[in-house]
Amino acid sequence: MDRLLSKHHSKFTWLMDWIYVLVIINLLAIAGTVIGLGVFGFFPAWMTSHQLIKRRLNQEDFPLVKTFISTYKTYVIKANILGYIMVILGIIIALSWFYYLDDLQTTWHWVGLIGVGFLGIILIFMIGIVPISYVYFPKFSIGEHLRFTLLMTMGMPMLAITIFLNSLFFYGVVMVRFITIFPFLSFTLPVLVNLLFARKKLLKLF
């Protein structure tokens, strides 16, 4: 009986510890986004959330607030460059889509529309892989991150689709129905699930 109670107590403690970690990192990520005025704070906060949760999955013990701040500072420039390259690519693809969509009288425009649509889908899937590449391979250059992300997306389409669907479910369903969890798990819960999926695949590869 004592062994059973001890087992359940340890599981409960483990669960409470993870909830605490996710909530604290989430609050820090929101604060980091606000401090960076949104446009300069979101990507470093997003990448930092991935890094700290990855380290926790590796059973590392570290002070959350201090580590978040130091990691966020080192990520500000590179994370923003990488993030806004994706944003610019998205804008170019969207403008190209509307350009071809405006006139579908020729075969060329149909081919262009389909081609741009395909690139748009690839980019959407890449967005979920980018932070995983960033935190697992911190020494990569911006170009190497983009190449690796593209290779991961094309070479592991099920992983890319799973990460996309998880994010879509969380922000399209969970956040709509339970908006009150935004301050506590909006960054971290989908990040945790995505990292669990990616971690399994990466461990097989490397």
C-alpha atoms as a PDB file:
ATOM      1  CA  MET A   1       0.000   0.000   0.000  1.00  0.00           C
ATOM      2  CA  ASP A   2       2.809   2.399   0.895  1.00  0.00           C
ATOM      3  CA  ARG A   3       4.541   1.602  -2.386  1.00  0.00           C
ATOM      4  CA  LEU A   4       1.336   2.332  -4.335  1.00  0.00           C
ATOM      5  CA  LEU A   5       0.816   5.647  -2.547  1.00  0.00           C
ATOM      6  CA  SER A   6       4.440   6.581  -3.126  1.00  0.00           C
ATOM      7  CA  LYS A   7       4.109   5.795  -6.838  1.00  0.00           C
ATOM      8  CA  HIS A   8       0.995   7.959  -7.225  1.00  0.00           C
ATOM      9  CA  HIS A   9       2.580  10.735  -5.177  1.00  0.00           C
ATOM     10  CA  SER A  10       5.661  10.765  -7.412  1.00  0.00           C
ATOM     11  CA  LYS A  11       3.480  10.948 -10.539  1.00  0.00           C
ATOM     12  CA  PHE A  12       1.481  13.801  -9.030  1.00  0.00           C
ATOM     13  CA  THR A  13       4.685  15.626  -8.075  1.00  0.00           C
ATOM     14  CA  TRP A  14       6.058  15.115 -11.597  1.00  0.00           C
ATOM     15  CA  LEU A  15       2.843  16.497 -13.117  1.00  0.00           C
ATOM     16  CA  MET A  16       2.755  19.522 -10.803  1.00  0.00           C
ATOM     17  CA  ASP A  17       6.407  20.240 -11.537  1.00  0.00           C
ATOM     18  CA  TRP A  18       5.752  20.236 -15.297  1.00  0.00           C
ATOM     19  CA  ILE A  19       2.680  22.457 -14.928  1.00  0.00           C
ATOM     20  CA  TYR A  20       4.757  24.893 -12.863  1.00  0.00           C
ATOM     21  CA  VAL A  21       7.549  24.891 -15.464  1.00  0.00           C
ATOM     22  CA  LEU A  22       5.155  25.450 -18.384  1.00  0.00           C
ATOM     23  CA  VAL A  23       3.272  28.267 -16.642  1.00  0.00           C
ATOM     24  CA  ILE A  24       6.427  30.118 -15.553  1.00  0.00           C
ATOM     25  CA  ILE A  25       8.057  29.847 -18.995  1.00  0.00           C
ATOM     26  CA  ASN A  26       4.797  30.975 -20.599  1.00  0.00           C
ATOM     27  CA  LEU A  27       4.560  34.058 -18.395  1.00  0.00           C
ATOM     28  CA  LEU A  28       8.202  34.857 -19.154  1.00  0.00           C
ATOM     29  CA  ALA A  29       7.575  34.394 -22.895  1.00  0.00           C
ATOM     30  CA  ILE A  30       4.663  36.838 -22.779  1.00  0.00           C
ATOM     31  CA  ALA A  31       6.811  39.310 -20.830  1.00  0.00           C
ATOM     32  CA  GLY A  32       9.637  38.876 -23.365  1.00  0.00           C
ATOM     33  CA  THR A  33       7.238  39.503 -26.240  1.00  0.00           C
ATOM     34  CA  VAL A  34       5.909  42.669 -24.576  1.00  0.00           C
ATOM     35  CA  ILE A  35       9.403  43.937 -23.727  1.00  0.00           C
ATOM     36  CA  GLY A  36      10.370  43.467 -27.377  1.00  0.00           C
ATOM     37  CA  LEU A  37       7.295  45.492 -28.389  1.00  0.00           C
ATOM     38  CA  GLY A  38       5.776  42.386 -29.951  1.00  0.00           C
ATOM     39  CA  VAL A  39       7.486  42.572 -33.331  1.00  0.00           C
ATOM     40  CA  PHE A  40      11.005  42.264 -31.862  1.00  0.00           C
ATOM     41  CA  GLY A  41      10.101  40.115 -28.875  1.00  0.00           C
ATOM     42  CA  PHE A  42       7.937  37.314 -30.210  1.00  0.00           C
ATOM     43  CA  PHE A  43      10.547  35.246 -32.050  1.00  0.00           C
ATOM     44  CA  PRO A  44      13.211  35.345 -29.292  1.00  0.00           C
ATOM     45  CA  ALA A  45      10.533  34.469 -26.709  1.00  0.00           C
ATOM     46  CA  TRP A  46       9.243  31.627 -28.902  1.00  0.00           C
ATOM     47  CA  MET A  47      12.714  30.177 -29.490  1.00  0.00           C
ATOM     48  CA  THR A  48      13.655  30.561 -25.818  1.00  0.00           C
ATOM     49  CA  SER A  49      10.524  28.673 -24.790  1.00  0.00           C
ATOM     50  CA  HIS A  50      11.570  25.813 -27.068  1.00  0.00           C
ATOM     51  CA  GLN A  51      15.095  25.808 -25.640  1.00  0.00           C
ATOM     52  CA  LEU A  52      14.084  25.724 -21.984  1.00  0.00           C
ATOM     53  CA  ILE A  53      11.432  23.048 -22.501  1.00  0.00           C
ATOM     54  CA  LYS A  54      13.911  20.955 -24.507  1.00  0.00           C
ATOM     55  CA  ARG A  55      16.389  21.187 -21.641  1.00  0.00           C
ATOM     56  CA  ARG A  56      13.695  20.155 -19.161  1.00  0.00           C
ATOM     57  CA  LEU A  57      12.862  17.155 -21.338  1.00  0.00           C
ATOM     58  CA  ASN A  58      16.554  16.286 -21.077  1.00  0.00           C
ATOM     59  CA  GLN A  59      16.059  16.375 -17.280  1.00  0.00           C
ATOM     60  CA  GLU A  60      18.321  19.375 -16.805  1.00  0.00           C
ATOM     61  CA  ASP A  61      17.802  21.425 -13.660  1.00  0.00           C
ATOM     62  CA  PHE A  62      18.291  25.190 -13.913  1.00  0.00           C
ATOM     63  CA  PRO A  63      16.748  28.429 -12.595  1.00  0.00           C
ATOM     64  CA  LEU A  64      13.872  29.251 -14.937  1.00  0.00           C
ATOM     65  CA  VAL A  65      13.830  33.057 -14.726  1.00  0.00           C
ATOM     66  CA  LYS A  66      17.584  33.591 -14.883  1.00  0.00           C
ATOM     67  CA  THR A  67      18.055  31.077 -17.697  1.00  0.00           C
ATOM     68  CA  PHE A  68      15.147  32.487 -19.689  1.00  0.00           C
ATOM     69  CA  ILE A  69      16.554  36.018 -19.483  1.00  0.00           C
ATOM     70  CA  SER A  70      20.092  35.010 -20.474  1.00  0.00           C
ATOM     71  CA  THR A  71      18.889  32.781 -23.321  1.00  0.00           C
ATOM     72  CA  TYR A  72      16.445  35.422 -24.559  1.00  0.00           C
ATOM     73  CA  LYS A  73      19.249  37.998 -24.737  1.00  0.00           C
ATOM     74  CA  THR A  74      21.453  35.721 -26.832  1.00  0.00           C
ATOM     75  CA  TYR A  75      18.553  34.880 -29.164  1.00  0.00           C
ATOM     76  CA  VAL A  76      17.298  38.405 -29.893  1.00  0.00           C
ATOM     77  CA  ILE A  77      19.208  39.094 -33.114  1.00  0.00           C
ATOM     78  CA  LYS A  78      19.454  35.646 -34.709  1.00  0.00           C
ATOM     79  CA  ALA A  79      15.904  34.568 -33.826  1.00  0.00           C
ATOM     80  CA  ASN A  80      14.463  37.789 -35.255  1.00  0.00           C
ATOM     81  CA  ILE A  81      16.476  37.476 -38.469  1.00  0.00           C
ATOM     82  CA  LEU A  82      15.356  33.866 -38.948  1.00  0.00           C
ATOM     83  CA  GLY A  83      11.763  34.651 -38.005  1.00  0.00           C
ATOM     84  CA  TYR A  84      11.434  37.635 -40.316  1.00  0.00           C
ATOM     85  CA  ILE A  85      12.996  35.785 -43.219  1.00  0.00           C
ATOM     86  CA  MET A  86      10.055  33.392 -42.860  1.00  0.00           C
ATOM     87  CA  VAL A  87       7.652  36.338 -42.640  1.00  0.00           C
ATOM     88  CA  ILE A  88       9.098  37.965 -45.779  1.00  0.00           C
ATOM     89  CA  LEU A  89       8.923  34.668 -47.657  1.00  0.00           C
ATOM     90  CA  GLY A  90       5.303  34.362 -46.557  1.00  0.00           C
ATOM     91  CA  ILE A  91       4.488  37.864 -47.827  1.00  0.00           C
ATOM     92  CA  ILE A  92       6.168  37.173 -51.186  1.00  0.00           C
ATOM     93  CA  ILE A  93       4.260  33.903 -51.581  1.00  0.00           C
ATOM     94  CA  ALA A  94       0.953  35.541 -50.602  1.00  0.00           C
ATOM     95  CA  LEU A  95       1.445  38.400 -53.073  1.00  0.00           C
ATOM     96  CA  SER A  96       2.386  35.926 -55.799  1.00  0.00           C
ATOM     97  CA  TRP A  97      -0.725  33.876 -55.023  1.00  0.00           C
ATOM     98  CA  PHE A  98      -3.013  36.873 -55.406  1.00  0.00           C
ATOM     99  CA  TYR A  99      -1.188  37.917 -58.577  1.00  0.00           C
ATOM    100  CA  TYR A 100      -1.876  34.567 -60.256  1.00  0.00           C
ATOM    101  CA  LEU A 101      -5.351  34.311 -58.741  1.00  0.00           C
ATOM    102  CA  ASP A 102      -6.332  37.656 -60.295  1.00  0.00           C
ATOM    103  CA  ASP A 103      -6.225  36.259 -63.818  1.00  0.00           C
ATOM    104  CA  LEU A 104      -6.703  32.550 -64.499  1.00  0.00           C
ATOM    105  CA  GLN A 105      -7.338  32.856 -68.222  1.00  0.00           C
ATOM    106  CA  THR A 106      -4.016  31.304 -69.237  1.00  0.00           C
ATOM    107  CA  THR A 107      -2.337  27.982 -68.501  1.00  0.00           C
ATOM    108  CA  TRP A 108       0.715  29.880 -67.242  1.00  0.00           C
ATOM    109  CA  HIS A 109      -1.317  31.510 -64.473  1.00  0.00           C
ATOM    110  CA  TRP A 110      -2.803  28.154 -63.434  1.00  0.00           C
ATOM    111  CA  VAL A 111       0.672  26.612 -63.273  1.00  0.00           C
ATOM    112  CA  GLY A 112       1.928  29.603 -61.281  1.00  0.00           C
ATOM    113  CA  LEU A 113      -1.011  29.415 -58.887  1.00  0.00           C
ATOM    114  CA  ILE A 114      -0.448  25.722 -58.200  1.00  0.00           C
ATOM    115  CA  GLY A 115       3.313  26.204 -57.829  1.00  0.00           C
ATOM    116  CA  VAL A 116       2.958  29.121 -55.434  1.00  0.00           C
ATOM    117  CA  GLY A 117       0.296  27.238 -53.474  1.00  0.00           C
ATOM    118  CA  PHE A 118       2.677  24.314 -53.062  1.00  0.00           C
ATOM    119  CA  LEU A 119       5.435  26.641 -51.843  1.00  0.00           C
ATOM    120  CA  GLY A 120       2.987  28.209 -49.400  1.00  0.00           C
ATOM    121  CA  ILE A 121       2.125  24.806 -47.915  1.00  0.00           C
ATOM    122  CA  ILE A 122       5.823  23.940 -47.572  1.00  0.00           C
ATOM    123  CA  LEU A 123       6.488  27.261 -45.836  1.00  0.00           C
ATOM    124  CA  ILE A 124       3.612  26.727 -43.393  1.00  0.00           C
ATOM    125  CA  PHE A 125       5.024  23.323 -42.448  1.00  0.00           C
ATOM    126  CA  MET A 126       8.555  24.766 -42.171  1.00  0.00           C
ATOM    127  CA  ILE A 127       7.419  27.329 -39.600  1.00  0.00           C
ATOM    128  CA  GLY A 128       6.818  24.567 -37.057  1.00  0.00           C
ATOM    129  CA  ILE A 129      10.215  22.966 -37.733  1.00  0.00           C
ATOM    130  CA  VAL A 130      12.301  26.173 -37.579  1.00  0.00           C
ATOM    131  CA  PRO A 131      12.424  26.520 -33.759  1.00  0.00           C
ATOM    132  CA  ILE A 132      13.246  22.815 -33.422  1.00  0.00           C
ATOM    133  CA  SER A 133      16.212  23.227 -35.767  1.00  0.00           C
ATOM    134  CA  TYR A 134      17.186  26.382 -33.858  1.00  0.00           C
ATOM    135  CA  VAL A 135      17.353  24.762 -30.412  1.00  0.00           C
ATOM    136  CA  TYR A 136      18.797  21.400 -31.443  1.00  0.00           C
ATOM    137  CA  PHE A 137      21.494  22.838 -33.703  1.00  0.00           C
ATOM    138  CA  PRO A 138      22.441  26.205 -32.150  1.00  0.00           C
ATOM    139  CA  LYS A 139      25.691  26.485 -34.119  1.00  0.00           C
ATOM    140  CA  PHE A 140      23.925  26.459 -37.474  1.00  0.00           C
ATOM    141  CA  SER A 141      24.006  29.668 -39.488  1.00  0.00           C
ATOM    142  CA  ILE A 142      20.766  31.242 -40.709  1.00  0.00           C
ATOM    143  CA  GLY A 143      21.206  29.607 -44.107  1.00  0.00           C
ATOM    144  CA  GLU A 144      21.903  26.215 -42.547  1.00  0.00           C
ATOM    145  CA  HIS A 145      18.771  26.473 -40.418  1.00  0.00           C
ATOM    146  CA  LEU A 146      16.686  27.234 -43.505  1.00  0.00           C
ATOM    147  CA  ARG A 147      18.208  24.362 -45.468  1.00  0.00           C
ATOM    148  CA  PHE A 148      17.844  21.894 -42.607  1.00  0.00           C
ATOM    149  CA  THR A 149      14.264  22.999 -41.972  1.00  0.00           C
ATOM    150  CA  LEU A 150      13.415  22.504 -45.644  1.00  0.00           C
ATOM    151  CA  LEU A 151      15.089  19.064 -45.662  1.00  0.00           C
ATOM    152  CA  MET A 152      13.219  18.053 -42.487  1.00  0.00           C
ATOM    153  CA  THR A 153       9.921  19.245 -43.943  1.00  0.00           C
ATOM    154  CA  MET A 154      10.414  17.411 -47.238  1.00  0.00           C
ATOM    155  CA  GLY A 155      12.108  14.348 -45.747  1.00  0.00           C
ATOM    156  CA  MET A 156       9.768  13.936 -42.771  1.00  0.00           C
ATOM    157  CA  PRO A 157       6.401  15.178 -44.023  1.00  0.00           C
ATOM    158  CA  MET A 158       4.476  13.309 -41.315  1.00  0.00           C
ATOM    159  CA  LEU A 159       6.411  15.105 -38.584  1.00  0.00           C
ATOM    160  CA  ALA A 160       5.817  18.482 -40.256  1.00  0.00           C
ATOM    161  CA  ILE A 161       2.113  17.729 -40.715  1.00  0.00           C
ATOM    162  CA  THR A 162       1.774  16.478 -37.121  1.00  0.00           C
ATOM    163  CA  ILE A 163       3.370  19.634 -35.715  1.00  0.00           C
ATOM    164  CA  PHE A 164       1.148  21.787 -37.923  1.00  0.00           C
ATOM    165  CA  LEU A 165      -2.025  19.919 -36.908  1.00  0.00           C
ATOM    166  CA  ASN A 166      -1.095  20.067 -33.225  1.00  0.00           C
ATOM    167  CA  SER A 167      -0.582  23.832 -33.416  1.00  0.00           C
ATOM    168  CA  LEU A 168      -3.765  24.250 -35.456  1.00  0.00           C
ATOM    169  CA  PHE A 169      -5.772  22.208 -32.942  1.00  0.00           C
ATOM    170  CA  PHE A 170      -4.384  24.127 -29.979  1.00  0.00           C
ATOM    171  CA  TYR A 171      -4.860  27.634 -31.375  1.00  0.00           C
ATOM    172  CA  GLY A 172      -7.939  26.890 -33.456  1.00  0.00           C
ATOM    173  CA  VAL A 173      -9.876  24.784 -30.960  1.00  0.00           C
ATOM    174  CA  VAL A 174      -8.401  24.775 -27.450  1.00  0.00           C
ATOM    175  CA  MET A 175      -7.601  28.490 -27.307  1.00  0.00           C
ATOM    176  CA  VAL A 176     -10.994  29.413 -28.746  1.00  0.00           C
ATOM    177  CA  ARG A 177     -12.901  27.326 -26.209  1.00  0.00           C
ATOM    178  CA  PHE A 178     -10.614  27.971 -23.250  1.00  0.00           C
ATOM    179  CA  ILE A 179      -9.232  31.468 -23.822  1.00  0.00           C
ATOM    180  CA  THR A 180      -8.494  31.815 -20.090  1.00  0.00           C
ATOM    181  CA  ILE A 181      -5.461  29.525 -20.430  1.00  0.00           C
ATOM    182  CA  PHE A 182      -3.735  32.065 -22.735  1.00  0.00           C
ATOM    183  CA  PRO A 183      -1.586  33.659 -19.986  1.00  0.00           C
ATOM    184  CA  PHE A 184      -0.549  30.245 -18.683  1.00  0.00           C
ATOM    185  CA  LEU A 185      -0.019  27.837 -21.593  1.00  0.00           C
ATOM    186  CA  SER A 186      -0.358  29.704 -24.911  1.00  0.00           C
ATOM    187  CA  PHE A 187       3.351  29.438 -25.739  1.00  0.00           C
ATOM    188  CA  THR A 188       4.432  26.375 -23.851  1.00  0.00           C
ATOM    189  CA  LEU A 189       1.812  23.624 -24.200  1.00  0.00           C
ATOM    190  CA  PRO A 190       1.964  23.332 -28.020  1.00  0.00           C
ATOM    191  CA  VAL A 191       5.764  23.705 -27.814  1.00  0.00           C
ATOM    192  CA  LEU A 192       5.983  20.778 -25.386  1.00  0.00           C
ATOM    193  CA  VAL A 193       3.863  18.514 -27.599  1.00  0.00           C
ATOM    194  CA  ASN A 194       5.757  19.515 -30.759  1.00  0.00           C
ATOM    195  CA  LEU A 195       9.108  18.867 -29.085  1.00  0.00           C
ATOM    196  CA  LEU A 196       7.955  15.446 -27.909  1.00  0.00           C
ATOM    197  CA  PHE A 197       7.083  14.506 -31.502  1.00  0.00           C
ATOM    198  CA  ALA A 198      10.316  15.958 -32.905  1.00  0.00           C
ATOM    199  CA  ARG A 199      12.514  14.523 -30.152  1.00  0.00           C
ATOM    200  CA  LYS A 200      11.438  10.978 -31.017  1.00  0.00           C
ATOM    201  CA  LYS A 201      12.268  11.486 -34.710  1.00  0.00           C
ATOM    202  CA  LEU A 202      15.576  13.248 -34.070  1.00  0.00           C
ATOM    203  CA  LEU A 203      16.761  10.575 -31.660  1.00  0.00           C
ATOM    204  CA  LYS A 204      16.245   7.995 -34.420  1.00  0.00           C
ATOM    205  CA  LEU A 205      18.171  10.139 -36.908  1.00  0.00           C
ATOM    206  CA  PHE A 206      21.069  11.197 -34.680  1.00  0.00           C
END
